[in-house]
C-alpha cells in the first residue's frame, strides 16, 4: 500500500504557533514600515524646505505632507 501523496501530506500539515504568528505579523510589519517610510519622506521634504526657503515654507510643506498622508490612509481603510 502506498503512503500519502505529497499534496495529502501538505494538507495534513498544521502550522506551528511560530508560523501562525509570522503569518499574522509580517503583513502588519510591512504596513508599519511603509508608513514609516512615508513619514520619513515628509520629514525630509520639510527639512529641505526649511533650509532652502525658511519657516513658512517648511510649515506649508509639512501641512501638505500630512494632508497627503491622511488621504492615503483614508483610501487604504476604504479598501479593507
N, C-alpha and C. Protein backbone atom coordinates (compact mmCIF):
# COMPACT_ATOMS: atom_id res chain seq x y z
N UNK A 1 0.84 -1.18 0.00
CA UNK A 1 0.00 0.00 0.00
C UNK A 1 0.89 1.24 0.00
N UNK A 2 0.56 2.16 -0.86
CA UNK A 2 1.36 3.38 -0.99
C UNK A 2 1.01 4.36 0.11
N UNK A 3 2.00 5.13 0.51
CA UNK A 3 1.79 6.14 1.53
C UNK A 3 1.05 7.34 0.96
N UNK A 4 0.79 8.32 1.80
CA UNK A 4 0.07 9.51 1.33
C UNK A 4 0.92 10.29 0.32
N UNK A 5 0.23 10.94 -0.60
CA UNK A 5 0.94 11.72 -1.61
C UNK A 5 1.46 13.01 -0.97
N UNK A 6 2.25 13.72 -1.74
CA UNK A 6 2.84 14.97 -1.25
C UNK A 6 1.76 16.02 -0.96
N UNK A 7 0.73 16.07 -1.80
CA UNK A 7 -0.36 17.02 -1.58
C UNK A 7 -1.13 16.68 -0.30
N UNK A 8 -1.33 15.38 -0.06
CA UNK A 8 -2.03 14.98 1.16
C UNK A 8 -1.21 15.30 2.40
N UNK A 9 0.11 15.12 2.32
CA UNK A 9 0.96 15.46 3.46
C UNK A 9 0.92 16.96 3.74
N UNK A 10 0.92 17.75 2.66
CA UNK A 10 0.87 19.20 2.84
C UNK A 10 -0.46 19.63 3.44
N UNK A 11 -1.55 18.96 3.03
CA UNK A 11 -2.87 19.29 3.56
C UNK A 11 -2.98 18.91 5.04
N UNK A 12 -2.27 17.86 5.45
CA UNK A 12 -2.33 17.41 6.84
C UNK A 12 -1.45 18.24 7.76
N UNK A 13 -0.53 19.03 7.19
CA UNK A 13 0.40 19.82 8.00
C UNK A 13 -0.35 20.93 8.72
N UNK A 14 -0.22 20.96 10.02
CA UNK A 14 -0.81 22.04 10.81
C UNK A 14 0.30 23.05 11.12
N UNK A 15 0.06 24.33 10.84
CA UNK A 15 1.10 25.32 11.11
C UNK A 15 1.39 25.42 12.60
N UNK A 16 2.65 25.58 12.91
CA UNK A 16 3.06 25.74 14.30
C UNK A 16 2.65 27.14 14.79
N UNK A 17 2.82 27.36 16.07
CA UNK A 17 2.49 28.68 16.63
C UNK A 17 3.38 29.75 16.03
N UNK A 18 4.63 29.40 15.77
CA UNK A 18 5.55 30.38 15.19
C UNK A 18 5.12 30.75 13.78
N UNK A 19 4.76 29.75 12.97
CA UNK A 19 4.30 30.03 11.61
C UNK A 19 3.04 30.88 11.62
N UNK A 20 2.12 30.55 12.49
CA UNK A 20 0.88 31.33 12.58
C UNK A 20 1.16 32.76 13.01
N UNK A 21 2.08 32.94 13.96
CA UNK A 21 2.43 34.28 14.42
C UNK A 21 3.09 35.08 13.31
N UNK A 22 3.99 34.46 12.55
CA UNK A 22 4.65 35.16 11.46
C UNK A 22 3.67 35.53 10.35
N UNK A 23 2.71 34.65 10.08
CA UNK A 23 1.69 34.99 9.07
C UNK A 23 0.84 36.17 9.52
N UNK A 24 0.67 36.33 10.81
CA UNK A 24 -0.08 37.47 11.34
C UNK A 24 0.80 38.72 11.37
N UNK A 25 2.09 38.56 11.73
CA UNK A 25 2.97 39.70 11.96
C UNK A 25 3.49 40.34 10.68
N UNK A 26 3.85 39.54 9.69
CA UNK A 26 4.51 40.09 8.51
C UNK A 26 3.68 41.11 7.74
N UNK A 27 2.39 40.91 7.53
CA UNK A 27 1.62 41.97 6.87
C UNK A 27 1.58 43.27 7.68
N UNK A 28 1.47 43.14 9.00
CA UNK A 28 1.46 44.34 9.84
C UNK A 28 2.80 45.06 9.81
N UNK A 29 3.88 44.28 9.83
CA UNK A 29 5.21 44.88 9.77
C UNK A 29 5.43 45.60 8.45
N UNK A 30 4.97 44.99 7.37
CA UNK A 30 5.08 45.64 6.07
C UNK A 30 4.31 46.94 6.03
N UNK A 31 3.12 46.96 6.60
CA UNK A 31 2.32 48.17 6.64
C UNK A 31 2.99 49.24 7.51
N UNK A 32 3.55 48.83 8.65
CA UNK A 32 4.22 49.77 9.54
C UNK A 32 5.45 50.38 8.86
N UNK A 33 6.25 49.55 8.20
CA UNK A 33 7.45 50.07 7.55
C UNK A 33 7.10 50.98 6.39
N UNK A 34 6.02 50.70 5.70
CA UNK A 34 5.56 51.56 4.62
C UNK A 34 5.14 52.92 5.18
N UNK A 35 4.42 52.92 6.30
CA UNK A 35 4.02 54.17 6.93
C UNK A 35 5.23 54.95 7.44
N UNK A 36 6.19 54.24 7.98
CA UNK A 36 7.40 54.89 8.49
C UNK A 36 8.17 55.55 7.35
N UNK A 37 8.21 54.91 6.19
CA UNK A 37 8.87 55.49 5.03
C UNK A 37 8.17 56.75 4.56
N UNK A 38 6.84 56.75 4.59
CA UNK A 38 6.09 57.95 4.20
C UNK A 38 6.36 59.11 5.16
N UNK A 39 6.40 58.80 6.46
CA UNK A 39 6.68 59.85 7.44
C UNK A 39 8.09 60.40 7.28
N UNK A 40 9.05 59.53 7.02
CA UNK A 40 10.43 59.97 6.83
C UNK A 40 10.55 60.86 5.60
N UNK A 41 9.81 60.53 4.55
CA UNK A 41 9.84 61.38 3.35
C UNK A 41 9.29 62.77 3.66
N UNK A 42 8.21 62.82 4.46
CA UNK A 42 7.66 64.12 4.85
C UNK A 42 8.64 64.94 5.67
N UNK A 43 9.36 64.28 6.55
CA UNK A 43 10.38 64.98 7.36
C UNK A 43 11.49 65.53 6.47
N UNK A 44 11.93 64.72 5.51
CA UNK A 44 12.99 65.18 4.60
C UNK A 44 12.54 66.37 3.76
N UNK A 45 11.31 66.31 3.23
CA UNK A 45 10.80 67.43 2.44
C UNK A 45 10.68 68.69 3.30
N UNK A 46 10.22 68.54 4.53
CA UNK A 46 10.06 69.68 5.42
C UNK A 46 11.41 70.30 5.78
N UNK A 47 12.38 69.46 6.08
CA UNK A 47 13.71 69.96 6.43
C UNK A 47 14.36 70.68 5.25
N UNK A 48 14.20 70.13 4.06
CA UNK A 48 14.81 70.79 2.90
C UNK A 48 14.10 72.10 2.58
N UNK A 49 12.78 72.17 2.79
CA UNK A 49 12.06 73.44 2.58
C UNK A 49 12.49 74.48 3.60
N UNK A 50 12.72 74.04 4.84
CA UNK A 50 13.17 74.99 5.87
C UNK A 50 14.56 75.53 5.54
N UNK A 51 15.41 74.65 5.05
CA UNK A 51 16.77 75.08 4.71
C UNK A 51 16.77 76.03 3.51
N UNK A 52 15.98 75.71 2.52
CA UNK A 52 16.01 76.49 1.28
C UNK A 52 15.18 77.77 1.36
N UNK A 53 13.99 77.72 2.00
CA UNK A 53 13.08 78.85 1.90
C UNK A 53 12.59 79.42 3.23
N UNK A 54 12.90 78.79 4.35
CA UNK A 54 12.50 79.34 5.64
C UNK A 54 11.34 78.61 6.30
N UNK A 55 10.92 79.17 7.43
CA UNK A 55 9.94 78.52 8.29
C UNK A 55 8.56 78.42 7.64
N UNK A 56 8.12 79.47 6.99
CA UNK A 56 6.77 79.42 6.41
C UNK A 56 6.66 78.36 5.32
N UNK A 57 7.69 78.20 4.53
CA UNK A 57 7.68 77.15 3.50
C UNK A 57 7.71 75.76 4.15
N UNK A 58 8.47 75.63 5.23
CA UNK A 58 8.54 74.34 5.92
C UNK A 58 7.18 73.97 6.49
N UNK A 59 6.47 74.93 7.06
CA UNK A 59 5.14 74.65 7.59
C UNK A 59 4.16 74.29 6.48
N UNK A 60 4.27 74.94 5.35
CA UNK A 60 3.40 74.62 4.22
C UNK A 60 3.67 73.21 3.71
N UNK A 61 4.93 72.85 3.59
CA UNK A 61 5.28 71.51 3.13
C UNK A 61 4.84 70.46 4.14
N UNK A 62 5.00 70.73 5.42
CA UNK A 62 4.57 69.78 6.45
C UNK A 62 3.06 69.58 6.39
N UNK A 63 2.32 70.64 6.19
CA UNK A 63 0.87 70.52 6.06
C UNK A 63 0.47 69.73 4.83
N UNK A 64 1.15 69.96 3.73
CA UNK A 64 0.85 69.21 2.51
C UNK A 64 1.18 67.73 2.68
N UNK A 65 2.29 67.43 3.34
CA UNK A 65 2.65 66.03 3.58
C UNK A 65 1.64 65.35 4.48
N UNK A 66 1.20 66.03 5.53
CA UNK A 66 0.19 65.45 6.42
C UNK A 66 -1.15 65.25 5.71
N UNK A 67 -1.50 66.20 4.86
CA UNK A 67 -2.73 66.06 4.09
C UNK A 67 -2.65 64.86 3.15
N UNK A 68 -1.53 64.74 2.45
CA UNK A 68 -1.34 63.61 1.54
C UNK A 68 -1.34 62.28 2.28
N UNK A 69 -0.71 62.25 3.43
CA UNK A 69 -0.67 61.03 4.23
C UNK A 69 -2.07 60.67 4.73
N UNK A 70 -2.83 61.66 5.12
CA UNK A 70 -4.20 61.40 5.56
C UNK A 70 -5.07 60.86 4.44
N UNK A 71 -4.89 61.38 3.23
CA UNK A 71 -5.65 60.88 2.08
C UNK A 71 -5.29 59.43 1.80
N UNK A 72 -4.01 59.10 1.86
CA UNK A 72 -3.58 57.72 1.62
C UNK A 72 -4.13 56.77 2.67
N UNK A 73 -4.11 57.17 3.92
CA UNK A 73 -4.64 56.32 4.99
C UNK A 73 -6.14 56.14 4.81
N UNK A 74 -6.84 57.20 4.46
CA UNK A 74 -8.27 57.11 4.24
C UNK A 74 -8.63 56.19 3.09
N UNK A 75 -7.88 56.26 2.00
CA UNK A 75 -8.14 55.37 0.87
C UNK A 75 -7.82 53.93 1.21
N UNK A 76 -6.78 53.71 2.02
CA UNK A 76 -6.42 52.34 2.40
C UNK A 76 -7.50 51.73 3.29
N UNK A 77 -8.11 52.51 4.14
CA UNK A 77 -9.17 51.98 5.01
C UNK A 77 -10.42 51.63 4.22
N UNK A 78 -10.69 52.35 3.15
CA UNK A 78 -11.87 52.05 2.33
C UNK A 78 -11.71 50.77 1.53
N UNK A 79 -10.48 50.34 1.29
CA UNK A 79 -10.24 49.13 0.51
C UNK A 79 -10.34 47.87 1.34
N UNK A 80 -10.38 47.97 2.64
CA UNK A 80 -10.44 46.77 3.50
C UNK A 80 -11.79 46.20 3.54
